[in-house]
Amino acid sequence: MSPAKKRARSYDPARTRAAVLAQFGHVRTAVRGLGPEQLALPTRLGEWTVRDLVAHIGMALTAIHRALALPEPPKADATPLDWPFATAANAAAIDEFTRNTAAGHPDPGAYLADIEQSLRAVLAEHSGARILRTTAGAMSLDDYLVTRAVELVVHTDDLANAVPGLEIPYDRQALAAATRLLADALAVKAPGGSTEVRVPPYAVVQCVEGPRHTRGTPPNVVETGPLTWIRLATGRLSWKDALEGAEVSASGERADIGSLLPLMS
């Protein structure tokens, strides 16, 4: 059994579905109020503009539709934890698809509204046990929706960062799923029990080889907030800058996890 499967966490399917729809709804509402100048703003994602980013957010959900259109694999061989490690290999294809999608949808608000309507219909029609062929392997629809929650949270933060003054709410369950999946991914990448990484109130994981902590105060502790952790894990924030900005605390000789980050980009 792979390390990812050994550490696979269970997520409540009904809550995950509700979280994906809620977070996408928050994004759609925010995008509806953006004008041409705001849509043309640069983002922290290379050469992508806000318009490109919005197109990509929509693509993250239409990926469900595209997967459902393919023949169903005989069985699942992947979990949500396999997904963070599979994204980098598809970066070039994702970039091209994003730009083409943005060019083909001049009204981003209408584009997202159509996706929301079709997504609700798709989720009502298909069982969460339906197996999908994804870039990370074959996984159930319920599991794939966990990765969609992560995509939405990460890119909600990208969108808010790109547009001055834009405030977008975070669905609590979506934020929890993103935090937990990326914390678990760290434990898969650096298995061990010498360092405890805390992201209250959502996640605590043990990682990094070395003496295993069993009780009392751990000798090596990293602690930060959910959004800071997500930015670190996805390369939006460097470990050095987070330490210098007091956005993360790290104590103990094995608490420097900067070399392990980012987990995905």
C-alpha atoms as a PDB file:
ATOM      1  CA  MET A   1       0.000   0.000   0.000  1.00  0.00           C
ATOM      2  CA  SER A   2       1.344   3.442  -0.961  1.00  0.00           C
ATOM      3  CA  PRO A   3       2.105   6.036   1.758  1.00  0.00           C
ATOM      4  CA  ALA A   4      -0.740   8.177   0.421  1.00  0.00           C
ATOM      5  CA  LYS A   5      -3.223   5.324   0.804  1.00  0.00           C
ATOM      6  CA  LYS A   6      -1.967   4.516   4.288  1.00  0.00           C
ATOM      7  CA  ARG A   7      -2.567   8.092   5.404  1.00  0.00           C
ATOM      8  CA  ALA A   8      -5.819   8.577   3.491  1.00  0.00           C
ATOM      9  CA  ARG A   9      -8.227  10.580   5.629  1.00  0.00           C
ATOM     10  CA  SER A  10     -11.979  10.177   5.322  1.00  0.00           C
ATOM     11  CA  TYR A  11     -14.092  13.185   4.357  1.00  0.00           C
ATOM     12  CA  ASP A  12     -17.836  13.456   4.804  1.00  0.00           C
ATOM     13  CA  PRO A  13     -19.245  13.308   1.245  1.00  0.00           C
ATOM     14  CA  ALA A  14     -22.319  15.444   1.918  1.00  0.00           C
ATOM     15  CA  ARG A  15     -20.256  18.141   3.609  1.00  0.00           C
ATOM     16  CA  THR A  16     -17.693  18.091   0.833  1.00  0.00           C
ATOM     17  CA  ARG A  17     -20.341  18.546  -1.850  1.00  0.00           C
ATOM     18  CA  ALA A  18     -21.907  21.396   0.095  1.00  0.00           C
ATOM     19  CA  ALA A  19     -18.486  22.983   0.614  1.00  0.00           C
ATOM     20  CA  VAL A  20     -17.601  22.877  -3.092  1.00  0.00           C
ATOM     21  CA  LEU A  21     -20.891  24.457  -4.075  1.00  0.00           C
ATOM     22  CA  ALA A  22     -20.666  27.073  -1.320  1.00  0.00           C
ATOM     23  CA  GLN A  23     -17.097  28.124  -2.125  1.00  0.00           C
ATOM     24  CA  PHE A  24     -17.793  28.235  -5.843  1.00  0.00           C
ATOM     25  CA  GLY A  25     -20.830  30.382  -5.078  1.00  0.00           C
ATOM     26  CA  HIS A  26     -18.632  32.825  -3.145  1.00  0.00           C
ATOM     27  CA  VAL A  27     -16.246  33.070  -6.089  1.00  0.00           C
ATOM     28  CA  ARG A  28     -19.048  33.495  -8.607  1.00  0.00           C
ATOM     29  CA  THR A  29     -20.552  36.334  -6.593  1.00  0.00           C
ATOM     30  CA  ALA A  30     -17.173  38.080  -6.379  1.00  0.00           C
ATOM     31  CA  VAL A  31     -16.455  37.696 -10.099  1.00  0.00           C
ATOM     32  CA  ARG A  32     -19.883  39.051 -11.029  1.00  0.00           C
ATOM     33  CA  GLY A  33     -18.833  42.431  -9.634  1.00  0.00           C
ATOM     34  CA  LEU A  34     -15.536  42.703 -11.522  1.00  0.00           C
ATOM     35  CA  GLY A  35     -15.131  45.132 -14.396  1.00  0.00           C
ATOM     36  CA  PRO A  36     -12.876  44.925 -17.482  1.00  0.00           C
ATOM     37  CA  GLU A  37      -9.989  46.729 -15.772  1.00  0.00           C
ATOM     38  CA  GLN A  38     -10.065  44.344 -12.811  1.00  0.00           C
ATOM     39  CA  LEU A  39     -10.276  41.303 -15.085  1.00  0.00           C
ATOM     40  CA  ALA A  40      -7.160  42.540 -16.878  1.00  0.00           C
ATOM     41  CA  LEU A  41      -5.106  42.813 -13.665  1.00  0.00           C
ATOM     42  CA  PRO A  42      -2.052  40.557 -13.273  1.00  0.00           C
ATOM     43  CA  THR A  43      -2.017  37.723 -10.748  1.00  0.00           C
ATOM     44  CA  ARG A  44       0.782  36.002  -8.845  1.00  0.00           C
ATOM     45  CA  LEU A  45       0.415  33.038 -11.206  1.00  0.00           C
ATOM     46  CA  GLY A  46       2.981  33.853 -13.870  1.00  0.00           C
ATOM     47  CA  GLU A  47       1.466  35.597 -16.871  1.00  0.00           C
ATOM     48  CA  TRP A  48      -2.147  34.852 -15.995  1.00  0.00           C
ATOM     49  CA  THR A  49      -4.520  37.774 -15.672  1.00  0.00           C
ATOM     50  CA  VAL A  50      -7.559  37.761 -13.401  1.00  0.00           C
ATOM     51  CA  ARG A  51      -9.615  36.732 -16.436  1.00  0.00           C
ATOM     52  CA  ASP A  52      -7.330  33.704 -16.936  1.00  0.00           C
ATOM     53  CA  LEU A  53      -7.569  32.836 -13.249  1.00  0.00           C
ATOM     54  CA  VAL A  54     -11.367  32.933 -13.359  1.00  0.00           C
ATOM     55  CA  ALA A  55     -11.320  30.654 -16.398  1.00  0.00           C
ATOM     56  CA  HIS A  56      -9.092  28.230 -14.512  1.00  0.00           C
ATOM     57  CA  ILE A  57     -11.390  28.214 -11.492  1.00  0.00           C
ATOM     58  CA  GLY A  58     -14.245  27.238 -13.759  1.00  0.00           C
ATOM     59  CA  MET A  59     -12.073  24.559 -15.375  1.00  0.00           C
ATOM     60  CA  ALA A  60     -11.363  23.047 -11.981  1.00  0.00           C
ATOM     61  CA  LEU A  61     -15.042  22.152 -11.755  1.00  0.00           C
ATOM     62  CA  THR A  62     -15.719  21.294 -15.384  1.00  0.00           C
ATOM     63  CA  ALA A  63     -12.965  18.714 -14.926  1.00  0.00           C
ATOM     64  CA  ILE A  64     -15.718  16.703 -13.224  1.00  0.00           C
ATOM     65  CA  HIS A  65     -17.839  16.884 -16.364  1.00  0.00           C
ATOM     66  CA  ARG A  66     -14.925  15.870 -18.576  1.00  0.00           C
ATOM     67  CA  ALA A  67     -14.092  12.909 -16.350  1.00  0.00           C
ATOM     68  CA  LEU A  68     -17.693  11.733 -16.310  1.00  0.00           C
ATOM     69  CA  ALA A  69     -17.714  11.748 -20.110  1.00  0.00           C
ATOM     70  CA  LEU A  70     -14.940   9.126 -20.159  1.00  0.00           C
ATOM     71  CA  PRO A  71     -15.473   5.393 -19.681  1.00  0.00           C
ATOM     72  CA  GLU A  72     -15.581   4.466 -16.006  1.00  0.00           C
ATOM     73  CA  PRO A  73     -12.383   2.745 -14.780  1.00  0.00           C
ATOM     74  CA  PRO A  74     -12.941  -0.715 -13.250  1.00  0.00           C
ATOM     75  CA  LYS A  75     -11.773   0.380  -9.806  1.00  0.00           C
ATOM     76  CA  ALA A  76     -10.226   3.259  -7.884  1.00  0.00           C
ATOM     77  CA  ASP A  77      -6.455   3.217  -7.513  1.00  0.00           C
ATOM     78  CA  ALA A  78      -5.896   6.725  -6.123  1.00  0.00           C
ATOM     79  CA  THR A  79      -6.978   8.878  -3.186  1.00  0.00           C
ATOM     80  CA  PRO A  80      -7.138  12.668  -2.753  1.00  0.00           C
ATOM     81  CA  LEU A  81      -3.634  12.496  -1.254  1.00  0.00           C
ATOM     82  CA  ASP A  82      -2.207  11.380  -4.597  1.00  0.00           C
ATOM     83  CA  TRP A  83      -3.487  14.539  -6.274  1.00  0.00           C
ATOM     84  CA  PRO A  84      -1.124  17.214  -4.823  1.00  0.00           C
ATOM     85  CA  PHE A  85       1.872  15.309  -6.194  1.00  0.00           C
ATOM     86  CA  ALA A  86       0.402  14.922  -9.685  1.00  0.00           C
ATOM     87  CA  THR A  87      -0.366  18.527 -10.589  1.00  0.00           C
ATOM     88  CA  ALA A  88       3.085  19.766 -11.634  1.00  0.00           C
ATOM     89  CA  ALA A  89       3.388  17.289 -14.488  1.00  0.00           C
ATOM     90  CA  ASN A  90       0.346  18.817 -16.181  1.00  0.00           C
ATOM     91  CA  ALA A  91       1.314  22.489 -15.808  1.00  0.00           C
ATOM     92  CA  ALA A  92       1.892  23.187 -19.513  1.00  0.00           C
ATOM     93  CA  ALA A  93      -1.379  21.583 -20.617  1.00  0.00           C
ATOM     94  CA  ILE A  94      -3.280  23.387 -17.855  1.00  0.00           C
ATOM     95  CA  ASP A  95      -1.820  26.731 -18.940  1.00  0.00           C
ATOM     96  CA  GLU A  96      -2.816  26.229 -22.580  1.00  0.00           C
ATOM     97  CA  PHE A  97      -6.300  25.016 -21.682  1.00  0.00           C
ATOM     98  CA  THR A  98      -6.764  27.971 -19.326  1.00  0.00           C
ATOM     99  CA  ARG A  99      -5.810  30.567 -21.930  1.00  0.00           C
ATOM    100  CA  ASN A 100      -8.053  29.008 -24.559  1.00  0.00           C
ATOM    101  CA  THR A 101     -10.946  28.854 -22.128  1.00  0.00           C
ATOM    102  CA  ALA A 102     -10.497  32.493 -21.108  1.00  0.00           C
ATOM    103  CA  ALA A 103     -10.431  33.577 -24.762  1.00  0.00           C
ATOM    104  CA  GLY A 104     -13.599  31.632 -25.503  1.00  0.00           C
ATOM    105  CA  HIS A 105     -15.660  33.088 -22.654  1.00  0.00           C
ATOM    106  CA  PRO A 106     -15.746  36.889 -22.814  1.00  0.00           C
ATOM    107  CA  ASP A 107     -18.286  37.097 -19.965  1.00  0.00           C
ATOM    108  CA  PRO A 108     -16.666  35.395 -16.943  1.00  0.00           C
ATOM    109  CA  GLY A 109     -19.712  35.930 -14.744  1.00  0.00           C
ATOM    110  CA  ALA A 110     -22.008  34.121 -17.183  1.00  0.00           C
ATOM    111  CA  TYR A 111     -19.376  31.406 -17.625  1.00  0.00           C
ATOM    112  CA  LEU A 112     -19.300  30.644 -13.897  1.00  0.00           C
ATOM    113  CA  ALA A 113     -23.091  30.837 -13.589  1.00  0.00           C
ATOM    114  CA  ASP A 114     -23.478  28.211 -16.317  1.00  0.00           C
ATOM    115  CA  ILE A 115     -20.933  25.969 -14.599  1.00  0.00           C
ATOM    116  CA  GLU A 116     -22.697  26.235 -11.259  1.00  0.00           C
ATOM    117  CA  GLN A 117     -26.007  25.235 -12.825  1.00  0.00           C
ATOM    118  CA  SER A 118     -24.526  22.274 -14.677  1.00  0.00           C
ATOM    119  CA  LEU A 119     -22.497  21.174 -11.645  1.00  0.00           C
ATOM    120  CA  ARG A 120     -25.597  20.980  -9.474  1.00  0.00           C
ATOM    121  CA  ALA A 121     -27.265  18.844 -12.130  1.00  0.00           C
ATOM    122  CA  VAL A 122     -24.234  16.551 -12.424  1.00  0.00           C
ATOM    123  CA  LEU A 123     -23.962  16.044  -8.663  1.00  0.00           C
ATOM    124  CA  ALA A 124     -27.671  15.284  -8.428  1.00  0.00           C
ATOM    125  CA  GLU A 125     -27.397  12.688 -11.193  1.00  0.00           C
ATOM    126  CA  HIS A 126     -24.250  10.786 -10.191  1.00  0.00           C
ATOM    127  CA  SER A 127     -23.413   8.736  -7.144  1.00  0.00           C
ATOM    128  CA  GLY A 128     -20.336   9.634  -5.172  1.00  0.00           C
ATOM    129  CA  ALA A 129     -19.109   6.091  -5.754  1.00  0.00           C
ATOM    130  CA  ARG A 130     -18.784   6.700  -9.519  1.00  0.00           C
ATOM    131  CA  ILE A 131     -15.111   6.184 -10.459  1.00  0.00           C
ATOM    132  CA  LEU A 132     -13.453   8.971 -12.442  1.00  0.00           C
ATOM    133  CA  ARG A 133     -10.277   8.912 -14.489  1.00  0.00           C
ATOM    134  CA  THR A 134      -8.229  11.887 -13.225  1.00  0.00           C
ATOM    135  CA  THR A 135      -4.673  13.152 -13.677  1.00  0.00           C
ATOM    136  CA  ALA A 136      -3.828  11.569 -10.311  1.00  0.00           C
ATOM    137  CA  GLY A 137      -5.359   8.190 -11.139  1.00  0.00           C
ATOM    138  CA  ALA A 138      -8.785   6.621 -10.845  1.00  0.00           C
ATOM    139  CA  MET A 139     -10.727   7.852  -7.839  1.00  0.00           C
ATOM    140  CA  SER A 140     -14.316   8.128  -6.723  1.00  0.00           C
ATOM    141  CA  LEU A 141     -16.344  11.251  -7.400  1.00  0.00           C
ATOM    142  CA  ASP A 142     -16.588  11.829  -3.646  1.00  0.00           C
ATOM    143  CA  ASP A 143     -12.791  11.749  -3.353  1.00  0.00           C
ATOM    144  CA  TYR A 144     -12.276  13.942  -6.398  1.00  0.00           C
ATOM    145  CA  LEU A 145     -14.588  16.561  -4.919  1.00  0.00           C
ATOM    146  CA  VAL A 146     -12.156  16.898  -2.007  1.00  0.00           C
ATOM    147  CA  THR A 147      -9.480  17.984  -4.478  1.00  0.00           C
ATOM    148  CA  ARG A 148     -11.937  20.448  -6.040  1.00  0.00           C
ATOM    149  CA  ALA A 149     -12.457  22.029  -2.618  1.00  0.00           C
ATOM    150  CA  VAL A 150      -8.685  22.502  -2.366  1.00  0.00           C
ATOM    151  CA  GLU A 151      -8.518  24.057  -5.841  1.00  0.00           C
ATOM    152  CA  LEU A 152     -11.303  26.475  -4.957  1.00  0.00           C
ATOM    153  CA  VAL A 153      -9.735  27.590  -1.682  1.00  0.00           C
ATOM    154  CA  VAL A 154      -6.272  28.058  -3.206  1.00  0.00           C
ATOM    155  CA  HIS A 155      -7.594  30.083  -6.125  1.00  0.00           C
ATOM    156  CA  THR A 156     -10.013  32.092  -4.007  1.00  0.00           C
ATOM    157  CA  ASP A 157      -6.919  33.335  -2.209  1.00  0.00           C
ATOM    158  CA  ASP A 158      -5.197  34.023  -5.547  1.00  0.00           C
ATOM    159  CA  LEU A 159      -8.194  36.044  -6.719  1.00  0.00           C
ATOM    160  CA  ALA A 160      -8.406  38.092  -3.536  1.00  0.00           C
ATOM    161  CA  ASN A 161      -4.669  38.757  -3.760  1.00  0.00           C
ATOM    162  CA  ALA A 162      -4.926  40.003  -7.348  1.00  0.00           C
ATOM    163  CA  VAL A 163      -7.838  42.430  -6.947  1.00  0.00           C
ATOM    164  CA  PRO A 164      -7.259  45.194  -4.375  1.00  0.00           C
ATOM    165  CA  GLY A 165     -10.079  45.437  -1.869  1.00  0.00           C
ATOM    166  CA  LEU A 166     -11.804  42.240  -2.990  1.00  0.00           C
ATOM    167  CA  GLU A 167     -13.047  40.210  -0.042  1.00  0.00           C
ATOM    168  CA  ILE A 168     -14.262  36.666  -0.646  1.00  0.00           C
ATOM    169  CA  PRO A 169     -15.602  34.479   2.183  1.00  0.00           C
ATOM    170  CA  TYR A 170     -14.236  31.001   2.818  1.00  0.00           C
ATOM    171  CA  ASP A 171     -16.575  28.139   3.472  1.00  0.00           C
ATOM    172  CA  ARG A 172     -15.364  26.577   6.712  1.00  0.00           C
ATOM    173  CA  GLN A 173     -15.588  23.008   5.445  1.00  0.00           C
ATOM    174  CA  ALA A 174     -13.747  23.857   2.205  1.00  0.00           C
ATOM    175  CA  LEU A 175     -10.974  25.596   4.151  1.00  0.00           C
ATOM    176  CA  ALA A 176     -10.743  22.628   6.520  1.00  0.00           C
ATOM    177  CA  ALA A 177     -10.458  20.154   3.640  1.00  0.00           C
ATOM    178  CA  ALA A 178      -7.713  22.185   1.948  1.00  0.00           C
ATOM    179  CA  THR A 179      -5.759  22.537   5.175  1.00  0.00           C
ATOM    180  CA  ARG A 180      -6.010  18.858   6.080  1.00  0.00           C
ATOM    181  CA  LEU A 181      -5.194  17.482   2.653  1.00  0.00           C
ATOM    182  CA  LEU A 182      -2.068  19.619   2.324  1.00  0.00           C
ATOM    183  CA  ALA A 183      -0.976  18.849   5.892  1.00  0.00           C
ATOM    184  CA  ASP A 184      -1.366  15.142   5.214  1.00  0.00           C
ATOM    185  CA  ALA A 185       0.608  15.595   1.988  1.00  0.00           C
ATOM    186  CA  LEU A 186       3.525  16.923   4.032  1.00  0.00           C
ATOM    187  CA  ALA A 187       3.413  13.811   6.223  1.00  0.00           C
ATOM    188  CA  VAL A 188       3.490  11.645   3.085  1.00  0.00           C
ATOM    189  CA  LYS A 189       6.417  13.579   1.621  1.00  0.00           C
ATOM    190  CA  ALA A 190       8.411  13.537   4.871  1.00  0.00           C
ATOM    191  CA  PRO A 191       7.235  10.547   6.917  1.00  0.00           C
ATOM    192  CA  GLY A 192       8.319  10.384  10.535  1.00  0.00           C
ATOM    193  CA  GLY A 193       7.358  11.517  13.995  1.00  0.00           C
ATOM    194  CA  SER A 194       9.988  13.994  15.135  1.00  0.00           C
ATOM    195  CA  THR A 195       8.164  17.192  14.160  1.00  0.00           C
ATOM    196  CA  GLU A 196       4.605  18.232  14.842  1.00  0.00           C
ATOM    197  CA  VAL A 197       2.958  20.626  12.403  1.00  0.00           C
ATOM    198  CA  ARG A 198      -0.101  22.378  13.790  1.00  0.00           C
ATOM    199  CA  VAL A 199      -2.601  24.326  11.723  1.00  0.00           C
ATOM    200  CA  PRO A 200      -5.377  25.140  14.190  1.00  0.00           C
ATOM    201  CA  PRO A 201      -8.232  24.565  14.226  1.00  0.00           C
ATOM    202  CA  TYR A 202      -8.111  22.051  11.381  1.00  0.00           C
ATOM    203  CA  ALA A 203      -4.993  19.888  11.325  1.00  0.00           C
ATOM    204  CA  VAL A 204      -2.119  18.403  13.309  1.00  0.00           C
ATOM    205  CA  VAL A 205       0.356  16.008  11.676  1.00  0.00           C
ATOM    206  CA  GLN A 206       3.588  14.283  12.660  1.00  0.00           C
ATOM    207  CA  CYS A 207       6.366  14.274  10.077  1.00  0.00           C
ATOM    208  CA  VAL A 208      10.159  14.263   9.465  1.00  0.00           C
ATOM    209  CA  GLU A 209      12.422  11.339  10.342  1.00  0.00           C
ATOM    210  CA  GLY A 210      14.011  11.307  13.775  1.00  0.00           C
ATOM    211  CA  PRO A 211      13.166  10.513  17.375  1.00  0.00           C
ATOM    212  CA  ARG A 212       9.411   9.976  17.656  1.00  0.00           C
ATOM    213  CA  HIS A 213       7.530  12.116  20.132  1.00  0.00           C
ATOM    214  CA  THR A 214       5.055  10.171  22.288  1.00  0.00           C
ATOM    215  CA  ARG A 215       3.828  12.448  25.083  1.00  0.00           C
ATOM    216  CA  GLY A 216       4.235  15.868  26.614  1.00  0.00           C
ATOM    217  CA  THR A 217       5.313  18.934  24.646  1.00  0.00           C
ATOM    218  CA  PRO A 218       6.926  17.943  21.313  1.00  0.00           C
ATOM    219  CA  PRO A 219      10.556  19.094  20.943  1.00  0.00           C
ATOM    220  CA  ASN A 220       9.975  20.270  17.363  1.00  0.00           C
ATOM    221  CA  VAL A 221       6.828  22.248  16.589  1.00  0.00           C
ATOM    222  CA  VAL A 222       5.660  24.265  13.596  1.00  0.00           C
ATOM    223  CA  GLU A 223       2.455  26.265  13.931  1.00  0.00           C
ATOM    224  CA  THR A 224       0.641  28.579  11.564  1.00  0.00           C
ATOM    225  CA  GLY A 225      -2.839  29.546  10.366  1.00  0.00           C
ATOM    226  CA  PRO A 226      -4.813  27.821   7.602  1.00  0.00           C
ATOM    227  CA  LEU A 227      -4.316  30.354   4.807  1.00  0.00           C
ATOM    228  CA  THR A 228      -0.626  30.796   5.602  1.00  0.00           C
ATOM    229  CA  TRP A 229      -0.196  27.024   5.524  1.00  0.00           C
ATOM    230  CA  ILE A 230      -1.994  26.757   2.197  1.00  0.00           C
ATOM    231  CA  ARG A 231       0.213  29.514   0.752  1.00  0.00           C
ATOM    232  CA  LEU A 232       3.344  27.755   1.994  1.00  0.00           C
ATOM    233  CA  ALA A 233       2.220  24.382   0.682  1.00  0.00           C
ATOM    234  CA  THR A 234       1.412  25.769  -2.781  1.00  0.00           C
ATOM    235  CA  GLY A 235       4.403  28.065  -3.187  1.00  0.00           C
ATOM    236  CA  ARG A 236       2.520  31.332  -2.796  1.00  0.00           C
ATOM    237  CA  LEU A 237       4.634  32.186   0.257  1.00  0.00           C
ATOM    238  CA  SER A 238       8.217  31.197   0.991  1.00  0.00           C
ATOM    239  CA  TRP A 239       9.254  29.644   4.291  1.00  0.00           C
ATOM    240  CA  LYS A 240      11.811  32.441   4.782  1.00  0.00           C
ATOM    241  CA  ASP A 241       9.252  35.201   4.256  1.00  0.00           C
ATOM    242  CA  ALA A 242       6.737  33.483   6.526  1.00  0.00           C
ATOM    243  CA  LEU A 243       9.298  33.280   9.326  1.00  0.00           C
ATOM    244  CA  GLU A 244      10.445  36.865   8.866  1.00  0.00           C
ATOM    245  CA  GLY A 245       6.856  38.080   8.801  1.00  0.00           C
ATOM    246  CA  ALA A 246       5.999  36.121  11.957  1.00  0.00           C
ATOM    247  CA  GLU A 247       3.327  34.245  10.026  1.00  0.00           C
ATOM    248  CA  VAL A 248       4.681  30.916  11.225  1.00  0.00           C
ATOM    249  CA  SER A 249       6.403  29.819  14.418  1.00  0.00           C
ATOM    250  CA  ALA A 250       9.016  27.065  14.389  1.00  0.00           C
ATOM    251  CA  SER A 251      10.814  25.724  17.452  1.00  0.00           C
ATOM    252  CA  GLY A 252      13.304  22.864  17.669  1.00  0.00           C
ATOM    253  CA  GLU A 253      16.231  21.734  15.545  1.00  0.00           C
ATOM    254  CA  ARG A 254      13.993  19.692  13.237  1.00  0.00           C
ATOM    255  CA  ALA A 255      11.329  22.367  12.826  1.00  0.00           C
ATOM    256  CA  ASP A 256      12.840  23.933   9.707  1.00  0.00           C
ATOM    257  CA  ILE A 257      10.621  22.404   7.029  1.00  0.00           C
ATOM    258  CA  GLY A 258      11.473  24.976   4.366  1.00  0.00           C
ATOM    259  CA  SER A 259      13.298  22.416   2.219  1.00  0.00           C
ATOM    260  CA  LEU A 260      10.099  20.360   2.000  1.00  0.00           C
ATOM    261  CA  LEU A 261       8.021  23.219   0.615  1.00  0.00           C
ATOM    262  CA  PRO A 262       6.175  23.816  -1.575  1.00  0.00           C
ATOM    263  CA  LEU A 263       4.292  20.533  -1.793  1.00  0.00           C
ATOM    264  CA  MET A 264       2.584  21.560  -5.035  1.00  0.00           C
ATOM    265  CA  SER A 265       2.725  24.586  -7.296  1.00  0.00           C
END
